[in-house]
Protein backbone atom coordinates (compact mmCIF):
# COMPACT_ATOMS: atom_id res chain seq x y z
CA MET A 1 128.51 93.74 76.97
CA SER A 2 124.99 94.43 75.95
CA PRO A 3 124.19 96.46 72.85
CA THR A 4 122.45 98.90 75.28
CA THR A 5 125.59 99.35 77.32
CA GLU A 6 127.49 100.07 74.05
CA THR A 7 124.93 102.51 73.04
CA MET A 8 125.21 104.26 76.63
CA LYS A 9 128.93 104.47 76.09
CA HIS A 10 128.69 105.96 72.77
CA PHE A 11 126.09 108.36 74.11
CA LEU A 12 128.17 109.53 77.04
CA GLN A 13 131.40 110.01 74.54
CA ALA A 14 129.64 112.87 72.71
CA GLU A 15 131.21 116.19 72.36
CA LYS A 16 128.07 118.07 73.45
CA PHE A 17 124.88 117.14 75.31
CA ALA A 18 121.34 118.56 75.41
CA VAL A 19 118.47 118.01 77.81
CA ILE A 20 114.96 118.37 76.62
CA GLY A 21 112.33 118.84 79.35
CA ARG A 22 108.96 120.31 80.22
CA THR A 23 109.76 122.30 83.34
CA MET A 24 113.51 122.77 83.71
CA ASN A 25 113.28 125.53 86.52
CA ASP A 26 112.15 123.29 89.45
CA ARG A 27 115.14 121.54 90.99
CA SER A 28 112.85 118.71 92.36
CA ARG A 29 111.95 117.78 88.79
CA TRP A 30 113.87 115.14 86.85
CA ASP A 31 114.65 117.43 83.78
CA ASN A 32 116.43 119.89 86.18
CA LYS A 33 118.25 116.90 87.90
CA ILE A 34 119.46 115.54 84.70
CA LEU A 35 120.64 118.95 83.58
CA ARG A 36 122.67 119.35 86.92
CA TRP A 37 123.95 115.84 86.42
CA TYR A 38 125.67 116.98 83.13
CA GLN A 39 126.93 120.25 84.70
CA ASP A 40 128.25 118.34 87.84
CA ARG A 41 130.45 116.26 85.61
CA GLN A 42 131.69 119.43 83.50
CA PHE A 43 129.86 118.18 80.35
CA PRO A 44 129.16 121.03 77.91
CA VAL A 45 125.28 120.92 77.97
CA ILE A 46 122.31 123.00 76.74
CA ALA A 47 118.73 122.83 77.69
CA VAL A 48 115.60 123.05 75.53
CA ARG A 49 112.15 123.60 76.83
CA PRO A 50 109.96 123.40 73.68
CA ASN A 51 107.23 125.99 73.03
CA LYS A 52 107.64 127.90 76.29
CA PRO A 53 109.29 131.24 77.01
CA SER A 54 113.05 131.26 77.45
CA GLU A 55 114.72 131.94 80.76
CA GLU A 56 117.72 131.22 82.54
CA VAL A 57 118.03 128.06 84.51
CA GLU A 58 121.02 126.78 86.32
CA GLY A 59 123.19 129.41 84.57
CA ILE A 60 121.91 128.37 81.00
CA GLN A 61 119.72 130.24 78.77
CA LEU A 62 117.00 127.72 77.69
CA LEU A 63 116.31 127.20 74.11
CA THR A 64 112.62 127.08 73.02
CA GLU A 65 112.85 125.01 69.83
CA ILE A 66 114.45 121.82 68.90
CA ASN A 67 115.93 123.22 65.76
CA GLN A 68 118.12 125.70 67.90
CA ILE A 69 120.43 122.79 68.92
CA LYS A 70 123.70 123.24 67.03
CA ASP A 71 126.09 120.49 65.81
CA LEU A 72 123.40 117.72 66.10
CA SER A 73 125.74 114.92 64.89
CA LYS A 74 127.99 115.78 67.94
CA THR A 75 125.18 116.01 70.47
CA SER A 76 123.72 113.40 72.64
CA ILE A 77 120.20 114.42 73.81
CA SER A 78 118.40 113.34 77.10
CA ILE A 79 114.59 113.55 76.72
CA ILE A 80 112.53 114.05 80.00
CA ILE A 81 109.17 114.80 78.47
CA ASN A 82 105.72 113.06 78.06
CA PRO A 83 105.94 110.62 75.22
CA VAL A 84 103.02 112.17 73.39
CA ILE A 85 105.43 115.07 72.96
CA GLY A 86 108.53 112.89 72.71
CA ILE A 87 107.30 111.11 69.72
CA ASN A 88 107.16 114.37 67.78
CA ILE A 89 110.60 115.44 68.96
CA LEU A 90 111.92 112.14 67.88
CA LYS A 91 110.36 112.57 64.49
CA GLU A 92 111.76 115.99 64.14
CA LEU A 93 115.19 114.98 64.98
CA TYR A 94 115.09 111.69 62.89
CA PRO A 95 112.61 112.44 60.00
CA ILE A 96 111.45 109.96 57.43
CA PRO A 97 112.97 110.08 54.86
CA SER A 98 116.42 110.52 56.54
CA LYS A 99 118.07 113.87 56.01
CA GLY A 100 120.99 112.07 54.35
CA ASN A 101 124.23 110.97 55.94
CA GLY A 102 123.08 111.54 59.64
CA GLU A 103 124.86 114.98 59.59
CA ASN A 104 121.86 116.66 60.68
CA GLU A 105 120.71 114.05 63.25
CA PRO A 106 121.66 113.59 66.90
CA ARG A 107 124.57 111.38 67.97
CA ASN A 108 122.17 109.55 70.27
CA ILE A 109 119.07 110.11 72.24
CA TRP A 110 118.38 108.67 75.75
CA PHE A 111 114.68 108.68 76.78
CA GLN A 112 114.59 108.83 80.54
CA PRO A 113 112.16 106.68 82.56
CA GLY A 114 108.62 107.51 81.68
CA ALA A 115 109.54 109.47 78.45
CA ASP A 116 109.28 106.50 76.06
CA ASP A 117 106.34 104.41 75.09
CA SER A 118 105.49 101.70 72.43
CA LYS A 119 104.75 104.41 69.74
CA ILE A 120 108.33 105.79 70.24
CA TRP A 121 109.94 102.29 69.85
CA GLU A 122 107.70 101.41 66.84
CA TYR A 123 109.01 104.74 65.29
CA VAL A 124 112.70 103.75 66.14
CA LYS A 125 112.28 100.32 64.63
CA GLN A 126 110.65 101.71 61.50
CA ARG A 127 113.45 104.42 61.02
CA GLN A 128 116.07 101.80 61.85
CA ILE A 129 117.79 103.65 64.62
CA GLU A 130 117.77 101.08 67.36
CA ASP A 131 121.53 101.58 67.71
CA LYS A 132 121.05 105.38 68.49
CA ILE A 133 118.31 105.24 71.15
CA ILE A 134 118.28 104.38 74.70
CA GLY A 135 115.24 104.00 76.98
CA LYS A 136 112.90 101.30 78.35
CA GLY A 137 113.81 102.27 81.95
CA GLU A 138 117.54 103.06 81.48
CA CYS A 139 118.45 106.30 83.31
CA VAL A 140 121.39 108.55 82.83
CA TYR A 141 121.15 109.85 86.36
CA ARG A 142 121.13 106.38 87.93
CA ASP A 143 123.40 104.53 85.46
CA GLY A 144 125.61 107.23 83.94
CA ASP A 145 128.54 107.15 86.58
CA ASP A 146 128.84 103.41 86.06
CA ILE A 147 128.95 103.82 82.37
CA LEU A 148 131.50 106.64 82.65
CA ASN A 149 133.70 104.36 84.82
CA GLN A 150 133.55 101.59 82.25
CA ILE A 151 134.60 104.03 79.62
CA LYS A 152 137.58 104.94 81.71
CA ARG A 153 138.56 101.22 82.39
CA ASP A 154 138.12 100.53 78.63
CA ASP A 155 140.43 103.35 77.86
CA LYS A 156 143.08 102.25 80.51
CA SER A 157 142.99 98.69 79.16
CA ARG A 158 143.90 100.00 75.69
CA LEU A 159 147.02 101.60 76.90
């Protein structure tokens, strides 16, 4: 199994999930589709739309700041936002120097297609968090159910 698949499994086994997007309230936009993907699977999910007014979307009150996400170390985050903004979010979530033992850092981040670029991956390498970050075209909406099925099969084979 590839390191990326293992990271995806780790991502989807989090206790909590967050979606960070630019629009959130338009059902045709990917940030909203990803939010609903988590809801449809009964995952505990919150949504963040940085630096814009809060409103209720899909029954969830949007957070407006990244630092409002609670229990970061138990939370996997999907990012669906322009990489120019995404790099700043990544740096806020995984600062240099590290905040310590990872207690105040997300479990994993999944950059959805179009949300990552070379600057993001340079920072990931510099910060040495390659095992926590998914991207480069991988998509939870497209690939997530297959990964969840792999997790179920793995769990059954352990019994």
